[in-house]
Amino acid sequence: MRIRDWDPNLKVRLFSEAMMNITFWMFFPFLTIYFAEEFGKSKAGLLLVFSQIFSVVANLMGGYCADRFGRKRMMVLSAIGQGLSFIAFAFASSPWYQSPWMGFIAFAIAGVFGSFYWPASQAMVADVVDEKDRSNVFAIFYTSINIAVVIGPILGAIFYVPYRFQLLLVAGMMCISLGIILAKWTRETFPFKQNTSSPDGKWYYFLKNQLMDYSLIVKDKTFLLFILAGVLAGQTFMQLDLLIPVYIKDVFKEQSLFSIGNWSFTVKGEQAFGIVLAENGFLVALLTVIVTKWMSSYYERNVFILSSVVYAISMILFSQTTWIWGLMFAMAIFTFAELMGAGLQQSFVSRLAPEHMRGQYFAAASLRFTISRTIAPLAIPMTVLLGYGWTFFVLTILALLSAGMYWVMFYSFKKQEIGSQL
């Protein structure tokens, strides 16, 4: 399905969200460094865990609100709310007023609004795109995000340190502009007459039903192991914008990235992380389809186990180098681990799930990321107690445990319980 054949709603969203995402990624990867410097690593890690709890609840409520109040309305309100939050954050980092606590509260509120935006945006795609074309449309949106992850951190590495206030202010204005664009040039896509969110429309019935859906993981032992293995592996890949930026900022000394004759391009800690993160986004955008096709020729068992092992190797490499090219090599290994299982995990869940419970299985499978995102910030205060070397060692062990759990998942149950690719 070509972009020119898309519903007008999606065309408007693709280009306006792309501009917002580029601006967002100019400063977002560096915020962990900011909070660690202002609060200390221990307190910053705990605060980030606390903020994620609110985002988890908001994510649960986001689906309910999108079904009850409409996709467009929730996206408009969420975009404007996120924009106002970033403007408040900018004010807290302005030349006239400095308040890290106000900045953190604004950041947490922006995360809540982002969690409300996501379910509505995904539901809108499902509303206006035929099932056979949805994967293609989602892939294009995913690619646009990764293009932003390439461009944003490179620009942020140049502008974030001297112009944090201006970047936050521009991000706020971009979000509000997105809300206005959505309000003016998109239409509502949800058929309210088919609203079946809950028996009587009360929000707590929705949450109760969600929790009942998640309870199925304790009844399916294979699926439970899949979730647990994903949570353990998630402690490594969630460090991309948590531990890794703080680590690079602390250990990286000013270095020359490349030189021509007497001229050289030197980078500092924040700039080095921006380059490494942009590398990750570039490789994901470039290689996702290629690596997915490559991995699909192997048994899922081998791919899942090897992915966790490669994550462990990347953690070792990060802990052993402070050289810019060494960090880039470690990130290439990290990204390869990310891409190995990305394309196969969704198909694995669809084969594992009974046909009449497929939606519930996919909802529960998202717990891998929800729980990982909540626990992962604890790695930052762990560096205060153990140091970077031991923290990376712990993450390496968790990745290897994930590999072991995948092995148990595939070998402890009958073949028919987990598909035909064993």
Protein backbone atom coordinates (compact mmCIF):
# COMPACT_ATOMS: atom_id res chain seq x y z
CA MET A 1 0.00 0.00 0.00
CA ARG A 2 1.59 3.24 -1.20
CA ILE A 3 1.59 6.35 0.98
CA ARG A 4 -0.36 8.30 -1.64
CA ASP A 5 -3.18 5.74 -1.22
CA TRP A 6 -3.34 6.20 2.55
CA ASP A 7 -6.26 7.67 4.41
CA PRO A 8 -5.76 11.48 4.80
CA ASN A 9 -5.60 11.03 8.59
CA LEU A 10 -2.50 8.90 8.27
CA LYS A 11 -0.78 11.22 5.77
CA VAL A 12 -1.24 14.16 8.13
CA ARG A 13 0.04 12.13 11.06
CA LEU A 14 3.08 10.68 9.29
CA PHE A 15 4.65 14.00 8.40
CA SER A 16 3.60 16.02 11.45
CA GLU A 17 4.63 13.27 13.89
CA ALA A 18 7.95 12.91 12.07
CA MET A 19 8.81 16.56 12.77
CA MET A 20 7.74 16.23 16.39
CA ASN A 21 9.79 13.03 16.86
CA ILE A 22 12.94 14.62 15.47
CA THR A 23 12.60 17.50 17.91
CA PHE A 24 11.80 15.12 20.78
CA TRP A 25 14.88 12.95 20.14
CA MET A 26 17.10 16.03 20.14
CA PHE A 27 16.84 16.20 23.92
CA PHE A 28 15.11 13.06 25.29
CA PRO A 29 18.19 10.76 25.28
CA PHE A 30 20.12 13.29 27.36
CA LEU A 31 17.54 13.72 30.12
CA THR A 32 18.84 10.77 32.11
CA ILE A 33 22.20 12.55 32.27
CA TYR A 34 20.45 15.74 33.40
CA PHE A 35 18.51 14.03 36.21
CA ALA A 36 21.58 12.06 37.35
CA GLU A 37 23.57 15.29 37.59
CA GLU A 38 20.83 17.19 39.42
CA PHE A 39 19.60 14.50 41.84
CA GLY A 40 22.46 12.03 42.00
CA LYS A 41 22.37 8.61 40.41
CA SER A 42 20.54 6.82 43.26
CA LYS A 43 17.68 9.29 43.54
CA ALA A 44 17.42 9.77 39.76
CA GLY A 45 17.01 6.03 39.20
CA LEU A 46 14.29 5.72 41.82
CA LEU A 47 12.47 8.78 40.47
CA LEU A 48 12.52 7.36 36.94
CA VAL A 49 11.03 4.10 38.26
CA PHE A 50 8.33 6.14 40.02
CA SER A 51 7.50 8.08 36.86
CA GLN A 52 7.20 4.87 34.84
CA ILE A 53 4.57 3.51 37.23
CA PHE A 54 2.30 6.42 36.30
CA SER A 55 2.98 5.80 32.61
CA VAL A 56 2.05 2.12 33.00
CA VAL A 57 -1.31 3.04 34.54
CA ALA A 58 -1.86 5.68 31.84
CA ASN A 59 -1.10 3.10 29.15
CA LEU A 60 -3.78 0.79 30.59
CA MET A 61 -6.26 3.66 30.69
CA GLY A 62 -5.28 4.89 27.23
CA GLY A 63 -7.11 2.09 25.44
CA TYR A 64 -10.24 2.66 27.49
CA CYS A 65 -10.21 6.41 26.82
CA ALA A 66 -9.61 5.90 23.07
CA ASP A 67 -12.65 3.61 22.91
CA ARG A 68 -14.88 5.78 25.08
CA PHE A 69 -13.96 9.31 23.98
CA GLY A 70 -12.58 8.71 20.49
CA ARG A 71 -9.16 8.42 18.84
CA LYS A 72 -8.93 11.97 17.54
CA ARG A 73 -10.02 13.61 20.78
CA MET A 74 -7.50 11.66 22.88
CA MET A 75 -4.67 12.33 20.43
CA VAL A 76 -5.41 16.06 20.31
CA LEU A 77 -5.65 16.37 24.10
CA SER A 78 -2.56 14.23 24.64
CA ALA A 79 -0.44 16.18 22.13
CA ILE A 80 -1.43 19.54 23.63
CA GLY A 81 -0.96 18.23 27.19
CA GLN A 82 2.48 16.91 26.33
CA GLY A 83 3.37 20.23 24.71
CA LEU A 84 2.36 22.21 27.80
CA SER A 85 4.39 19.80 29.95
CA PHE A 86 7.52 20.39 27.85
CA ILE A 87 7.01 24.15 28.05
CA ALA A 88 6.82 23.83 31.84
CA PHE A 89 10.01 21.74 31.72
CA ALA A 90 11.65 24.46 29.61
CA PHE A 91 10.64 27.10 32.15
CA ALA A 92 12.22 24.95 34.89
CA SER A 93 15.50 24.95 32.90
CA SER A 94 15.40 28.56 31.75
CA PRO A 95 18.05 31.26 32.29
CA TRP A 96 15.66 32.91 34.76
CA TYR A 97 14.52 29.95 36.83
CA GLN A 98 16.11 26.59 37.67
CA SER A 99 14.08 23.83 39.34
CA PRO A 100 15.05 20.18 38.71
CA TRP A 101 12.02 19.02 40.70
CA MET A 102 9.62 21.01 38.57
CA GLY A 103 11.43 19.67 35.51
CA PHE A 104 11.04 16.08 36.68
CA ILE A 105 7.33 16.54 37.44
CA ALA A 106 6.80 18.08 33.99
CA PHE A 107 8.74 15.19 32.43
CA ALA A 108 6.60 12.62 34.28
CA ILE A 109 3.38 14.35 33.20
CA ALA A 110 4.62 14.46 29.59
CA GLY A 111 5.21 10.71 29.82
CA VAL A 112 1.64 10.17 31.03
CA PHE A 113 0.23 12.16 28.11
CA GLY A 114 2.47 10.18 25.74
CA SER A 115 1.05 6.94 27.16
CA PHE A 116 -2.47 8.20 26.44
CA TYR A 117 -1.51 9.17 22.87
CA TRP A 118 -0.01 5.82 21.84
CA PRO A 119 -3.07 3.49 22.10
CA ALA A 120 -5.32 5.99 20.32
CA SER A 121 -2.80 6.44 17.49
CA GLN A 122 -2.47 2.67 17.00
CA ALA A 123 -6.24 2.21 17.10
CA MET A 124 -6.71 4.88 14.44
CA VAL A 125 -4.49 2.90 12.04
CA ALA A 126 -6.58 -0.22 12.66
CA ASP A 127 -9.77 1.82 12.06
CA VAL A 128 -8.83 3.09 8.61
CA VAL A 129 -6.51 0.42 7.16
CA ASP A 130 -7.52 -3.03 5.91
CA GLU A 131 -6.00 -5.89 7.86
CA LYS A 132 -3.83 -7.02 4.93
CA ASP A 133 -2.13 -3.60 4.73
CA ARG A 134 -1.74 -2.82 8.45
CA SER A 135 1.70 -4.36 8.90
CA ASN A 136 3.01 -2.26 6.02
CA VAL A 137 1.56 0.95 7.45
CA PHE A 138 2.87 0.21 10.95
CA ALA A 139 6.29 -0.54 9.46
CA ILE A 140 6.41 2.86 7.73
CA PHE A 141 5.50 4.66 10.97
CA TYR A 142 8.15 2.58 12.77
CA THR A 143 10.73 3.51 10.14
CA SER A 144 9.89 7.21 10.47
CA ILE A 145 10.48 6.99 14.21
CA ASN A 146 13.88 5.41 13.66
CA ILE A 147 14.80 8.07 11.13
CA ALA A 148 14.03 10.58 13.89
CA VAL A 149 16.25 8.54 16.23
CA VAL A 150 19.07 9.00 13.70
CA ILE A 151 18.64 12.73 13.03
CA GLY A 152 17.50 13.89 16.49
CA PRO A 153 20.45 12.71 18.62
CA ILE A 154 23.00 14.04 16.10
CA LEU A 155 21.41 17.49 16.28
CA GLY A 156 21.00 17.10 20.04
CA ALA A 157 24.68 16.27 20.44
CA ILE A 158 25.41 19.68 18.92
CA PHE A 159 22.67 21.83 20.46
CA TYR A 160 21.48 20.15 23.69
CA VAL A 161 24.15 21.36 26.13
CA PRO A 162 24.18 25.06 25.16
CA TYR A 163 20.48 25.26 24.19
CA ARG A 164 18.49 22.90 26.44
CA PHE A 165 15.92 25.58 27.29
CA GLN A 166 15.35 26.42 23.63
CA LEU A 167 15.05 22.75 22.61
CA LEU A 168 12.46 22.03 25.29
CA LEU A 169 10.53 25.14 24.30
CA VAL A 170 10.56 24.14 20.62
CA ALA A 171 9.46 20.59 21.55
CA GLY A 172 6.52 22.01 23.48
CA MET A 173 5.50 24.20 20.58
CA MET A 174 5.83 21.28 18.15
CA CYS A 175 3.56 19.10 20.29
CA ILE A 176 0.94 21.82 20.56
CA SER A 177 1.19 22.38 16.79
CA LEU A 178 0.63 18.65 16.28
CA GLY A 179 -2.50 18.85 18.43
CA ILE A 180 -3.81 21.78 16.39
CA ILE A 181 -3.04 20.01 13.09
CA LEU A 182 -4.82 16.86 14.25
CA ALA A 183 -7.82 18.88 15.41
CA LYS A 184 -8.10 20.76 12.11
CA TRP A 185 -7.13 18.21 9.44
CA THR A 186 -8.13 14.81 10.78
CA ARG A 187 -11.51 13.22 11.44
CA GLU A 188 -12.75 10.88 14.15
CA THR A 189 -12.51 7.23 13.08
CA PHE A 190 -14.04 5.36 16.01
CA PRO A 191 -17.69 4.20 15.59
CA PHE A 192 -19.09 5.19 19.00
CA LYS A 193 -22.23 3.13 18.52
CA GLN A 194 -20.06 0.00 18.70
CA ASN A 195 -18.42 1.01 21.94
CA THR A 196 -18.04 -2.07 24.08
CA SER A 197 -15.29 -0.96 26.43
CA SER A 198 -17.10 -2.19 29.53
CA PRO A 199 -20.56 -3.32 30.59
CA ASP A 200 -21.66 0.06 31.86
CA GLY A 201 -18.88 2.38 30.68
CA LYS A 202 -17.17 2.66 34.07
CA TRP A 203 -13.38 2.92 33.88
CA TYR A 204 -12.73 0.51 36.75
CA TYR A 205 -14.52 -2.30 34.90
CA PHE A 206 -12.05 -1.79 32.08
CA LEU A 207 -9.06 -2.03 34.42
CA LYS A 208 -10.55 -5.13 36.02
CA ASN A 209 -10.94 -6.76 32.61
CA GLN A 210 -7.37 -5.82 31.68
CA LEU A 211 -6.01 -7.43 34.84
CA MET A 212 -8.08 -10.55 34.14
CA ASP A 213 -6.55 -10.68 30.65
CA TYR A 214 -3.05 -10.49 32.10
CA SER A 215 -3.81 -13.29 34.58
CA LEU A 216 -3.73 -15.77 31.71
CA ILE A 217 0.09 -15.75 31.80
CA VAL A 218 0.08 -17.81 35.01
CA LYS A 219 -2.08 -20.47 33.36
CA ASP A 220 0.11 -20.97 30.29
CA LYS A 221 3.56 -22.01 31.53
CA THR A 222 5.21 -21.58 28.14
CA PHE A 223 3.86 -18.07 27.83
CA LEU A 224 4.87 -17.25 31.40
CA LEU A 225 8.47 -18.25 30.65
CA PHE A 226 8.33 -16.16 27.48
CA ILE A 227 7.28 -13.12 29.51
CA LEU A 228 9.94 -13.69 32.21
CA ALA A 229 12.68 -14.23 29.64
CA GLY A 230 11.60 -11.02 27.88
CA VAL A 231 11.71 -9.07 31.15
CA LEU A 232 15.24 -10.31 31.88
CA ALA A 233 16.44 -9.46 28.37
CA GLY A 234 14.66 -6.11 28.68
CA GLN A 235 16.99 -5.09 31.49
CA THR A 236 19.71 -4.80 28.85
CA PHE A 237 17.96 -3.16 25.89
CA MET A 238 16.11 -0.68 28.11
CA GLN A 239 19.50 0.71 29.18
CA LEU A 240 19.86 2.41 25.80
CA ASP A 241 18.47 5.67 27.20
CA LEU A 242 19.12 4.98 30.91
CA LEU A 243 22.50 3.58 31.99
CA ILE A 244 24.40 3.90 28.72
CA PRO A 245 24.12 7.72 28.40
CA VAL A 246 25.14 8.21 32.05
CA TYR A 247 28.04 5.77 31.62
CA ILE A 248 29.34 7.47 28.46
CA LYS A 249 29.00 10.91 30.04
CA ASP A 250 31.03 9.84 33.10
CA VAL A 251 33.82 7.79 31.53
CA PHE A 252 34.24 9.36 28.11
CA LYS A 253 37.00 11.93 27.69
CA GLU A 254 37.16 14.36 24.78
CA GLN A 255 38.38 12.43 21.72
CA SER A 256 38.89 12.88 18.02
CA LEU A 257 36.26 11.07 15.98
CA PHE A 258 38.16 11.55 12.73
CA SER A 259 40.76 13.91 11.35
CA ILE A 260 41.89 15.20 7.96
CA GLY A 261 45.37 16.63 7.91
CA ASN A 262 45.64 19.15 10.72
CA TRP A 263 41.86 19.32 11.16
CA SER A 264 39.99 16.96 13.47
CA PHE A 265 36.41 16.57 14.70
CA THR A 266 36.40 16.07 18.47
CA VAL A 267 33.47 14.93 20.63
CA LYS A 268 32.65 15.07 24.32
CA GLY A 269 30.48 12.77 26.45
CA GLU A 270 27.02 13.98 25.44
CA GLN A 271 28.08 14.24 21.80
CA ALA A 272 29.55 10.72 21.88
CA PHE A 273 26.28 9.33 23.20
CA GLY A 274 24.31 11.23 20.56
CA ILE A 275 26.44 9.66 17.84
CA VAL A 276 26.12 6.17 19.33
CA LEU A 277 22.34 6.51 19.67
CA ALA A 278 22.03 7.84 16.11
CA GLU A 279 24.00 4.79 14.98
CA ASN A 280 21.43 2.55 16.67
CA GLY A 281 18.53 4.31 14.94
CA PHE A 282 20.27 4.25 11.58
CA LEU A 283 21.03 0.52 11.78
CA VAL A 284 17.47 -0.27 12.90
CA ALA A 285 15.96 1.73 10.03
CA LEU A 286 18.38 0.21 7.50
CA LEU A 287 18.54 -3.43 8.59
CA THR A 288 15.22 -4.38 10.23
CA VAL A 289 13.75 -6.02 7.13
CA ILE A 290 17.05 -7.66 6.12
CA VAL A 291 17.82 -9.14 9.53
CA THR A 292 14.21 -10.28 10.04
CA LYS A 293 14.26 -12.18 6.72
CA TRP A 294 17.63 -13.66 7.62
CA MET A 295 16.53 -14.79 11.08
CA SER A 296 13.28 -16.28 9.76
CA SER A 297 15.31 -19.05 8.12
CA TYR A 298 16.44 -20.32 11.54
CA TYR A 299 14.57 -22.00 14.38
CA GLU A 300 12.97 -19.50 16.77
CA ARG A 301 14.61 -21.38 19.64
CA ASN A 302 18.09 -20.61 18.32
CA VAL A 303 17.30 -17.00 17.44
CA PHE A 304 15.81 -16.13 20.85
CA ILE A 305 18.66 -17.77 22.77
CA LEU A 306 21.38 -16.26 20.57
CA SER A 307 19.78 -12.80 20.78
CA SER A 308 20.10 -12.83 24.58
CA VAL A 309 23.69 -14.08 24.35
CA VAL A 310 24.56 -11.26 21.93
CA TYR A 311 22.97 -8.75 24.34
CA ALA A 312 25.29 -10.14 27.04
CA ILE A 313 28.30 -9.70 24.75
CA SER A 314 27.33 -6.08 24.06
CA MET A 315 27.17 -5.36 27.80
CA ILE A 316 30.69 -6.75 28.22
CA LEU A 317 31.96 -4.65 25.32
CA PHE A 318 30.41 -1.45 26.69
CA SER A 319 32.01 -2.03 30.09
CA GLN A 320 35.49 -2.57 28.61
CA THR A 321 35.92 0.49 26.40
CA THR A 322 35.97 4.26 26.63
CA TRP A 323 37.10 4.70 23.02
CA ILE A 324 34.53 6.26 20.69
CA TRP A 325 35.00 3.62 17.97
CA GLY A 326 34.87 0.88 20.60
CA LEU A 327 31.55 2.26 21.85
CA MET A 328 30.24 2.34 18.29
CA PHE A 329 31.26 -1.29 17.79
CA ALA A 330 29.52 -2.25 21.04
CA MET A 331 26.38 -0.44 19.87
CA ALA A 332 26.47 -2.31 16.55
CA ILE A 333 26.49 -5.62 18.47
CA PHE A 334 23.70 -4.31 20.77
CA THR A 335 21.58 -3.31 17.74
CA PHE A 336 22.10 -6.68 16.08
CA ALA A 337 20.76 -8.38 19.22
CA GLU A 338 17.77 -6.02 19.13
CA LEU A 339 16.98 -6.83 15.51
CA MET A 340 17.42 -10.60 15.77
CA GLY A 341 14.24 -11.25 17.71
CA ALA A 342 12.20 -8.15 16.85
CA GLY A 343 10.51 -9.64 13.80
CA LEU A 344 9.97 -13.14 15.18
CA GLN A 345 8.51 -12.51 18.63
CA GLN A 346 5.15 -11.27 17.38
CA SER A 347 4.72 -14.25 15.06
CA PHE A 348 5.72 -16.56 17.92
CA VAL A 349 3.00 -15.08 20.15
CA SER A 350 0.40 -15.45 17.38
CA ARG A 351 1.28 -19.15 16.97
CA LEU A 352 1.39 -19.79 20.70
CA ALA A 353 -2.02 -18.21 21.35
CA PRO A 354 -5.31 -20.04 20.84
CA GLU A 355 -7.19 -18.32 18.02
CA HIS A 356 -10.04 -17.14 20.26
CA MET A 357 -7.56 -15.61 22.77
CA ARG A 358 -5.06 -14.04 20.39
CA GLY A 359 -5.89 -10.48 21.35
CA GLN A 360 -5.47 -11.26 25.05
CA TYR A 361 -2.11 -12.90 24.42
CA PHE A 362 -0.80 -9.88 22.54
CA ALA A 363 -2.02 -7.59 25.33
CA ALA A 364 -0.29 -9.72 27.96
CA ALA A 365 2.88 -9.99 25.84
CA SER A 366 3.33 -6.23 26.19
CA LEU A 367 4.12 -6.86 29.86
CA ARG A 368 7.66 -7.71 28.74
CA PHE A 369 8.21 -4.05 27.94
CA THR A 370 6.00 -2.59 30.66
CA ILE A 371 7.75 -4.42 33.49
CA SER A 372 11.21 -3.96 31.94
CA ARG A 373 10.69 -0.23 31.55
CA THR A 374 9.64 0.04 35.20
CA ILE A 375 12.55 -1.94 36.67
CA ALA A 376 15.39 -0.91 34.32
CA PRO A 377 16.10 2.54 35.90
CA LEU A 378 17.34 0.74 39.02
CA ALA A 379 20.58 0.14 37.12
CA ILE A 380 21.48 3.80 37.64
CA PRO A 381 21.56 3.75 41.48
CA MET A 382 23.20 0.31 41.23
CA THR A 383 26.29 2.02 39.80
CA VAL A 384 26.66 3.99 43.04
CA LEU A 385 26.74 0.78 45.09
CA LEU A 386 28.65 -1.49 42.72
CA GLY A 387 30.36 0.73 40.16
CA TYR A 388 29.92 0.55 36.39
CA GLY A 389 31.93 -2.65 35.95
CA TRP A 390 29.83 -4.74 38.32
CA THR A 391 26.58 -3.15 37.08
CA PHE A 392 27.36 -4.18 33.51
CA PHE A 393 28.32 -7.62 34.86
CA VAL A 394 24.89 -7.95 36.51
CA LEU A 395 23.20 -6.96 33.25
CA THR A 396 25.31 -9.55 31.43
CA ILE A 397 24.19 -12.26 33.87
CA LEU A 398 20.53 -11.23 33.43
CA ALA A 399 20.88 -11.50 29.64
CA LEU A 400 22.41 -14.97 29.99
CA LEU A 401 19.63 -15.98 32.39
CA SER A 402 17.19 -14.84 29.73
CA ALA A 403 18.90 -17.15 27.24
CA GLY A 404 18.63 -20.00 29.73
CA MET A 405 14.96 -19.29 30.30
CA TYR A 406 14.28 -19.36 26.56
CA TRP A 407 16.06 -22.74 26.44
CA VAL A 408 13.84 -24.06 29.24
CA MET A 409 10.76 -22.66 27.50
CA PHE A 410 11.50 -24.55 24.30
CA TYR A 411 12.65 -27.81 25.87
CA SER A 412 10.36 -28.29 28.87
CA PHE A 413 7.09 -28.62 27.01
CA LYS A 414 5.68 -30.75 24.24
CA LYS A 415 6.32 -29.60 20.71
CA GLN A 416 2.68 -29.05 19.92
CA GLU A 417 2.41 -26.48 22.70
CA ILE A 418 4.88 -24.13 21.08
CA GLY A 419 4.50 -24.63 17.35
CA SER A 420 6.09 -26.54 14.57
CA GLN A 421 9.48 -24.83 14.27
CA LEU A 422 11.23 -26.74 17.08
